Protein backbone atom coordinates (compact mmCIF):
# COMPACT_ATOMS: atom_id res chain seq x y z
CA MET A 1 -9.63 20.80 5.56
CA SER A 2 -11.95 22.85 2.92
CA GLU A 3 -14.01 23.68 6.20
CA LEU A 4 -10.93 25.43 7.47
CA VAL A 5 -10.36 27.25 4.42
CA ALA A 6 -14.16 28.29 4.08
CA GLY A 7 -13.82 29.84 7.58
CA PHE A 8 -11.30 32.27 6.61
CA GLU A 9 -13.69 34.42 4.99
CA ALA A 10 -16.20 34.22 8.10
CA LYS A 11 -13.34 35.27 10.45
CA HIS A 12 -11.51 38.06 7.81
CA GLY A 13 -14.65 39.07 5.92
CA PHE A 14 -13.16 38.43 2.66
CA PRO A 15 -12.42 35.08 0.53
CA PRO A 16 -8.82 33.71 0.89
CA GLY A 17 -6.64 34.52 -2.06
CA PRO A 18 -5.46 31.61 -3.99
CA ASN A 19 -6.32 29.01 -1.37
CA GLU A 20 -7.56 25.91 -3.18
CA ILE A 21 -8.16 22.35 -2.71
CA ARG A 22 -8.46 20.74 -6.27
CA SER A 23 -10.18 17.67 -6.91
CA ALA A 24 -8.28 14.99 -8.95
CA GLY A 25 -9.08 14.99 -12.79
CA GLU A 26 -8.28 12.67 -15.77
CA ASP A 27 -4.72 13.94 -16.10
CA ASP A 28 -4.05 13.26 -12.40
CA ALA A 29 -5.25 9.86 -12.64
CA ASP A 30 -2.93 9.07 -15.54
CA ALA A 31 0.01 10.44 -13.31
CA VAL A 32 -1.30 8.14 -10.44
CA SER A 33 -0.85 5.05 -12.62
CA THR A 34 2.73 6.11 -13.62
CA LEU A 35 3.59 6.59 -10.21
CA SER A 36 2.22 3.57 -8.98
CA ASP A 37 4.33 1.51 -11.09
CA THR A 38 7.59 2.96 -10.00
CA GLY A 39 6.82 1.26 -6.69
CA LEU A 40 8.24 4.36 -4.86
CA PRO A 41 4.93 5.88 -3.41
CA HIS A 42 3.07 4.48 -0.36
CA VAL A 43 -0.07 3.44 -1.01
CA ASP A 44 -1.68 6.46 1.04
CA LEU A 45 -0.17 8.84 -1.34
CA LEU A 46 -1.64 6.93 -4.41
CA THR A 47 -5.00 6.81 -2.71
CA PHE A 48 -4.80 10.81 -1.77
CA TYR A 49 -4.02 11.48 -5.44
CA GLU A 50 -6.99 9.33 -6.53
CA HIS A 51 -9.21 12.01 -4.90
CA ILE A 52 -7.16 15.25 -4.52
CA GLY A 53 -5.27 16.95 -7.45
CA GLU A 54 -3.66 19.39 -5.58
CA ILE A 55 -3.66 21.68 -2.33
CA ASP A 56 -2.80 25.62 -2.76
CA LEU A 57 -2.78 27.50 0.65
CA ALA A 58 -0.84 30.48 -0.33
CA ASP A 59 -2.45 32.18 2.74
CA VAL A 60 -1.27 30.16 5.58
CA GLY A 61 1.83 31.25 6.72
CA ASN A 62 4.67 31.42 4.17
CA GLY A 63 2.20 29.46 2.01
CA TYR A 64 1.95 25.54 1.88
CA TRP A 65 1.49 23.54 -1.66
CA VAL A 66 0.76 19.77 -1.71
CA HIS A 67 1.96 19.22 -5.15
CA SER A 68 -0.25 17.53 -7.92
CA ALA A 69 0.54 13.69 -8.97
CA GLU A 70 1.68 14.91 -12.11
CA THR A 71 4.17 17.70 -10.52
CA VAL A 72 5.62 14.74 -8.30
CA LEU A 73 5.96 12.56 -11.38
CA ASP A 74 7.82 15.44 -13.32
CA HIS A 75 10.10 16.03 -10.27
CA LEU A 76 10.74 12.28 -10.25
CA ARG A 77 11.58 12.06 -13.99
CA GLU A 78 14.03 15.14 -13.90
CA TYR A 79 15.78 14.50 -10.67
CA GLY A 80 15.21 10.95 -9.46
CA PRO A 81 13.90 9.60 -6.14
CA VAL A 82 15.60 11.76 -3.22
CA GLY A 83 17.74 10.14 -0.70
CA VAL A 84 16.41 10.94 3.12
CA ASP A 85 18.41 8.39 4.67
CA ASP A 86 22.45 8.06 3.82
CA GLY A 87 22.43 4.54 4.35
CA ARG A 88 19.49 3.65 1.82
CA ASP A 89 19.15 3.98 -1.79
CA PRO A 90 17.02 7.16 -2.62
CA SER A 91 13.50 6.27 -2.59
CA GLY A 92 11.57 9.71 -1.52
CA LEU A 93 9.37 11.61 -3.51
CA VAL A 94 9.07 15.34 -3.07
CA ILE A 95 5.22 16.11 -2.41
CA ALA A 96 4.90 19.37 -1.04
CA SER A 97 6.88 22.55 -0.65
CA ASP A 98 6.18 25.91 1.38
CA GLY A 99 6.99 29.52 0.79
CA GLY A 100 10.12 29.63 2.54
CA GLY A 101 11.37 27.08 -0.22
CA LEU A 102 11.43 24.01 2.14
CA LEU A 103 10.41 20.87 0.68
CA PHE A 104 8.38 17.83 1.87
CA VAL A 105 9.51 14.44 0.86
CA ILE A 106 7.46 11.02 1.47
CA GLU A 107 9.24 7.86 1.88
CA PRO A 108 7.87 4.48 0.66
CA ASP A 109 7.00 3.44 4.27
CA GLY A 110 4.90 6.77 4.37
CA ALA A 111 6.87 9.02 6.75
CA VAL A 112 7.26 12.42 5.61
CA PHE A 113 10.54 14.59 5.92
CA ARG A 114 11.01 18.46 5.85
CA THR A 115 14.38 19.98 4.21
CA ARG A 116 16.29 22.25 6.53
CA THR A 117 17.25 24.46 3.71
CA ALA A 118 15.61 25.18 0.32
CA THR A 119 17.90 22.93 -1.62
CA LEU A 120 18.20 19.34 -2.63
CA ASP A 121 21.77 19.31 -3.43
CA GLU A 122 22.99 18.39 0.06
CA PRO A 123 19.88 18.06 1.95
CA GLU A 124 19.57 17.52 5.93
CA PHE A 125 15.84 16.20 6.86
CA ASP A 126 13.99 16.52 9.87
CA ARG A 127 11.24 14.21 10.44
CA ALA A 128 8.05 16.09 10.02
CA ALA A 129 5.32 13.25 10.27
CA ASP A 130 5.03 9.66 10.74
CA SER A 131 2.66 9.28 7.98
CA LEU A 132 0.67 11.30 5.12
CA ARG A 133 -2.50 11.18 7.56
CA GLN A 134 -0.31 12.96 10.21
CA PHE A 135 1.36 15.37 7.68
CA LEU A 136 -2.12 16.49 6.37
CA GLU A 137 -3.36 16.84 9.91
CA LEU A 138 -0.57 18.97 10.79
CA LEU A 139 -1.27 21.01 7.72
CA GLY A 140 -4.89 21.32 8.88
CA ARG A 141 -3.67 22.63 12.14
CA SER A 142 -1.60 24.93 10.92
CA VAL A 143 -4.55 26.56 8.68
CA ALA A 144 -6.56 26.46 11.82
CA ARG A 145 -4.09 28.32 13.86
CA SER A 146 -3.93 30.91 10.85
CA ILE A 147 -7.61 31.47 10.86
CA ASP A 148 -8.20 31.51 14.63
CA THR A 149 -5.27 33.83 15.53
CA GLY A 150 -4.63 35.82 12.26
CA GLU A 151 -0.95 34.72 13.05
CA PRO A 152 0.67 32.50 10.45
CA GLY A 153 0.64 28.67 11.04
CA TYR A 154 3.77 26.79 10.79
CA LEU A 155 4.42 23.32 9.99
């Protein structure tokens, strides 16, 4: 994905704004350990956070942010897990958002859901991806579409 962000400057002649893919640091490792102890996140999310601290793509569409493990943990502590399916106990974690206020929630099985509105008060969800890997691939395609066409790419 960093190659796609780097391609922005080649296409447009100036560096992208605050776009950044930050490597994980010591604070991230502590948050990953604590998240792991909750039993909620899928192993792929924990592996992701061992390497990537966060992703900030403010120049793509309305913007996309894959939150740090620490931000995910803070949200979990403040609001608890998110209920994606009315028939099950809440078990989702808010892992990302876009500039329109939509949130992306990962379930313990790895599926990623997008809210239909910018609220978690009475949320409705659409399945965005079957796995974290697929979600990140879709995000990468959105970046590529934005770079190739100059048009916003949407997930």
